[in-house]
Amino acid sequence: MQVYVEPLKRAGERKLISCTPIDQIIVDRSSGCVVLTFEAGGMYDNKSKYKCTLELSSDFAGTLQAALAEGIVDSSH
């Protein structure tokens, strides 16, 4: 999974902060949603490390799954 960040209010470069293999992502489904936890770097330097958590509601996860099944989302990245 690749995660990018970029400035919202001004022009700036997009930076890859995480390129985590699927086997290094912690997936938790115990809370009624899908929670993905992974490590990411900082935007301004490579010394900082952050623990990132994405919490996907069951509706969002279902919509994403349907989009992948229909070929709407490019899952090759």
N, C-alpha and C. Protein backbone atom coordinates (compact mmCIF):
# COMPACT_ATOMS: atom_id res chain seq x y z
N MET A 1 0.85 -1.16 0.00
CA MET A 1 0.00 0.00 0.00
C MET A 1 0.90 1.23 0.00
N GLN A 2 0.58 2.16 -0.84
CA GLN A 2 1.34 3.41 -0.90
C GLN A 2 0.49 4.55 -0.35
N VAL A 3 1.11 5.39 0.48
CA VAL A 3 0.43 6.53 1.07
C VAL A 3 1.24 7.78 0.74
N TYR A 4 0.56 8.77 0.19
CA TYR A 4 1.18 10.04 -0.18
C TYR A 4 0.56 11.17 0.62
N VAL A 5 1.35 12.22 0.86
CA VAL A 5 0.83 13.46 1.45
C VAL A 5 1.33 14.62 0.60
N GLU A 6 0.55 15.70 0.65
CA GLU A 6 0.96 16.91 -0.05
C GLU A 6 0.24 18.09 0.59
N PRO A 7 0.79 19.29 0.45
CA PRO A 7 0.13 20.46 1.03
C PRO A 7 -1.27 20.65 0.46
N LEU A 8 -2.17 21.11 1.29
CA LEU A 8 -3.55 21.32 0.86
C LEU A 8 -3.77 22.73 0.35
N LYS A 9 -3.20 23.74 1.03
CA LYS A 9 -3.53 25.13 0.74
C LYS A 9 -2.52 25.85 -0.15
N ARG A 10 -1.43 25.19 -0.48
CA ARG A 10 -0.44 25.84 -1.33
C ARG A 10 0.15 24.81 -2.28
N ALA A 11 0.79 25.31 -3.31
CA ALA A 11 1.43 24.40 -4.25
C ALA A 11 2.61 23.72 -3.55
N GLY A 12 2.76 22.47 -3.79
CA GLY A 12 3.86 21.74 -3.18
C GLY A 12 3.97 20.35 -3.77
N GLU A 13 5.04 19.71 -3.44
CA GLU A 13 5.31 18.38 -3.96
C GLU A 13 4.57 17.32 -3.17
N ARG A 14 4.11 16.31 -3.86
CA ARG A 14 3.52 15.14 -3.22
C ARG A 14 4.66 14.24 -2.79
N LYS A 15 4.56 13.70 -1.57
CA LYS A 15 5.63 12.86 -1.05
C LYS A 15 5.08 11.51 -0.61
N LEU A 16 5.77 10.46 -1.01
CA LEU A 16 5.44 9.11 -0.56
C LEU A 16 5.92 8.96 0.88
N ILE A 17 5.01 8.69 1.81
CA ILE A 17 5.40 8.53 3.21
C ILE A 17 5.32 7.08 3.67
N SER A 18 4.70 6.23 2.86
CA SER A 18 4.64 4.82 3.22
C SER A 18 4.48 3.97 1.98
N CYS A 19 5.24 2.91 1.93
CA CYS A 19 5.13 1.90 0.88
C CYS A 19 5.21 0.56 1.61
N THR A 20 4.12 0.24 2.30
CA THR A 20 4.10 -0.88 3.22
C THR A 20 3.58 -2.14 2.54
N PRO A 21 4.36 -3.23 2.58
CA PRO A 21 3.85 -4.50 2.05
C PRO A 21 2.63 -4.95 2.87
N ILE A 22 1.71 -5.62 2.22
CA ILE A 22 0.47 -6.03 2.86
C ILE A 22 0.71 -6.89 4.11
N ASP A 23 1.78 -7.66 4.13
CA ASP A 23 2.04 -8.52 5.29
C ASP A 23 2.57 -7.74 6.50
N GLN A 24 2.85 -6.45 6.31
CA GLN A 24 3.32 -5.61 7.42
C GLN A 24 2.23 -4.65 7.92
N ILE A 25 1.04 -4.75 7.36
CA ILE A 25 -0.09 -3.93 7.79
C ILE A 25 -0.90 -4.73 8.79
N ILE A 26 -1.18 -4.14 9.93
CA ILE A 26 -2.02 -4.80 10.93
C ILE A 26 -3.47 -4.52 10.57
N VAL A 27 -4.25 -5.57 10.41
CA VAL A 27 -5.66 -5.45 10.07
C VAL A 27 -6.48 -5.96 11.24
N ASP A 28 -7.39 -5.12 11.73
CA ASP A 28 -8.26 -5.48 12.85
C ASP A 28 -9.71 -5.29 12.43
N ARG A 29 -10.51 -6.32 12.60
CA ARG A 29 -11.94 -6.24 12.23
C ARG A 29 -12.84 -6.39 13.45
N SER A 30 -12.30 -6.29 14.64
CA SER A 30 -13.06 -6.60 15.85
C SER A 30 -14.02 -5.50 16.28
N SER A 31 -13.88 -4.29 15.77
CA SER A 31 -14.70 -3.17 16.24
C SER A 31 -15.89 -2.85 15.34
N GLY A 32 -16.26 -3.75 14.45
CA GLY A 32 -17.37 -3.49 13.54
C GLY A 32 -16.96 -2.71 12.31
N CYS A 33 -15.68 -2.40 12.20
CA CYS A 33 -15.14 -1.74 11.01
C CYS A 33 -13.79 -2.38 10.71
N VAL A 34 -13.16 -1.93 9.65
CA VAL A 34 -11.84 -2.44 9.30
C VAL A 34 -10.82 -1.37 9.69
N VAL A 35 -9.87 -1.74 10.53
CA VAL A 35 -8.84 -0.81 10.98
C VAL A 35 -7.49 -1.29 10.45
N LEU A 36 -6.82 -0.44 9.68
CA LEU A 36 -5.50 -0.73 9.13
C LEU A 36 -4.48 0.13 9.88
N THR A 37 -3.44 -0.49 10.42
CA THR A 37 -2.39 0.22 11.13
C THR A 37 -1.06 -0.08 10.45
N PHE A 38 -0.27 0.98 10.18
CA PHE A 38 0.99 0.81 9.48
C PHE A 38 1.92 1.96 9.85
N GLU A 39 3.18 1.80 9.51
CA GLU A 39 4.20 2.81 9.79
C GLU A 39 4.38 3.71 8.58
N ALA A 40 4.60 5.00 8.86
CA ALA A 40 4.84 5.96 7.78
C ALA A 40 5.93 6.93 8.20
N GLY A 41 6.61 7.49 7.23
CA GLY A 41 7.65 8.48 7.49
C GLY A 41 7.06 9.88 7.55
N GLY A 42 7.91 10.82 7.90
CA GLY A 42 7.49 12.21 7.98
C GLY A 42 7.45 12.87 6.62
N MET A 43 6.78 14.00 6.56
CA MET A 43 6.68 14.72 5.29
C MET A 43 7.95 15.51 4.98
N TYR A 44 8.61 16.03 6.01
CA TYR A 44 9.73 16.93 5.78
C TYR A 44 11.10 16.29 5.95
N ASP A 45 11.16 15.16 6.64
CA ASP A 45 12.45 14.46 6.75
C ASP A 45 12.19 12.97 6.86
N ASN A 46 13.23 12.20 6.65
CA ASN A 46 13.10 10.75 6.69
C ASN A 46 13.42 10.18 8.07
N LYS A 47 13.76 11.03 9.04
CA LYS A 47 14.07 10.56 10.38
C LYS A 47 12.82 10.27 11.20
N SER A 48 11.77 11.03 10.97
CA SER A 48 10.54 10.85 11.73
C SER A 48 9.79 9.63 11.26
N LYS A 49 9.16 8.93 12.19
CA LYS A 49 8.31 7.78 11.88
C LYS A 49 7.00 7.96 12.61
N TYR A 50 5.91 7.59 11.97
CA TYR A 50 4.59 7.74 12.54
C TYR A 50 3.82 6.43 12.43
N LYS A 51 2.98 6.20 13.41
CA LYS A 51 2.06 5.07 13.36
C LYS A 51 0.75 5.63 12.82
N CYS A 52 0.32 5.14 11.68
CA CYS A 52 -0.90 5.62 11.04
C CYS A 52 -2.00 4.58 11.19
N THR A 53 -3.20 5.06 11.42
CA THR A 53 -4.36 4.19 11.55
C THR A 53 -5.46 4.70 10.64
N LEU A 54 -5.96 3.82 9.79
CA LEU A 54 -7.11 4.12 8.93
C LEU A 54 -8.27 3.27 9.43
N GLU A 55 -9.37 3.92 9.77
CA GLU A 55 -10.55 3.21 10.23
C GLU A 55 -11.63 3.32 9.16
N LEU A 56 -11.97 2.20 8.56
CA LEU A 56 -12.95 2.17 7.48
C LEU A 56 -14.26 1.60 7.99
N SER A 57 -15.33 2.36 7.88
CA SER A 57 -16.64 1.86 8.29
C SER A 57 -17.00 0.66 7.43
N SER A 58 -17.94 -0.14 7.89
CA SER A 58 -18.34 -1.30 7.10
C SER A 58 -18.94 -0.86 5.76
N ASP A 59 -19.65 0.28 5.75
CA ASP A 59 -20.20 0.80 4.48
C ASP A 59 -19.08 1.18 3.52
N PHE A 60 -18.06 1.88 4.03
CA PHE A 60 -16.95 2.30 3.19
C PHE A 60 -16.18 1.09 2.67
N ALA A 61 -15.91 0.14 3.55
CA ALA A 61 -15.18 -1.07 3.15
C ALA A 61 -15.97 -1.83 2.08
N GLY A 62 -17.29 -1.89 2.23
CA GLY A 62 -18.12 -2.56 1.24
C GLY A 62 -18.10 -1.85 -0.10
N THR A 63 -18.14 -0.52 -0.07
CA THR A 63 -18.08 0.27 -1.30
C THR A 63 -16.73 0.07 -1.99
N LEU A 64 -15.66 0.06 -1.22
CA LEU A 64 -14.32 -0.16 -1.78
C LEU A 64 -14.21 -1.56 -2.38
N GLN A 65 -14.73 -2.56 -1.67
CA GLN A 65 -14.70 -3.92 -2.18
C GLN A 65 -15.47 -4.04 -3.50
N ALA A 66 -16.63 -3.41 -3.57
CA ALA A 66 -17.43 -3.44 -4.80
C ALA A 66 -16.70 -2.75 -5.94
N ALA A 67 -16.06 -1.61 -5.65
CA ALA A 67 -15.31 -0.88 -6.68
C ALA A 67 -14.16 -1.72 -7.21
N LEU A 68 -13.46 -2.42 -6.32
CA LEU A 68 -12.36 -3.29 -6.76
C LEU A 68 -12.90 -4.43 -7.63
N ALA A 69 -14.02 -5.01 -7.23
CA ALA A 69 -14.61 -6.12 -7.98
C ALA A 69 -15.07 -5.69 -9.37
N GLU A 70 -15.53 -4.43 -9.48
CA GLU A 70 -16.02 -3.92 -10.77
C GLU A 70 -14.90 -3.34 -11.61
N GLY A 71 -13.70 -3.27 -11.07
CA GLY A 71 -12.58 -2.72 -11.83
C GLY A 71 -12.56 -1.20 -11.84
N ILE A 72 -13.35 -0.56 -10.97
CA ILE A 72 -13.39 0.90 -10.92
C ILE A 72 -12.10 1.45 -10.31
N VAL A 73 -11.56 0.74 -9.33
CA VAL A 73 -10.35 1.18 -8.64
C VAL A 73 -9.18 0.34 -9.15
N ASP A 74 -8.10 1.01 -9.49
CA ASP A 74 -6.89 0.31 -9.93
C ASP A 74 -6.17 -0.24 -8.71
N SER A 75 -6.20 -1.55 -8.53
CA SER A 75 -5.59 -2.17 -7.35
C SER A 75 -4.17 -2.65 -7.61
N SER A 76 -3.59 -2.26 -8.72
CA SER A 76 -2.24 -2.76 -9.08
C SER A 76 -1.13 -2.04 -8.33
N HIS A 77 -1.44 -0.97 -7.60
CA HIS A 77 -0.41 -0.22 -6.88
C HIS A 77 -0.17 -0.89 -5.58
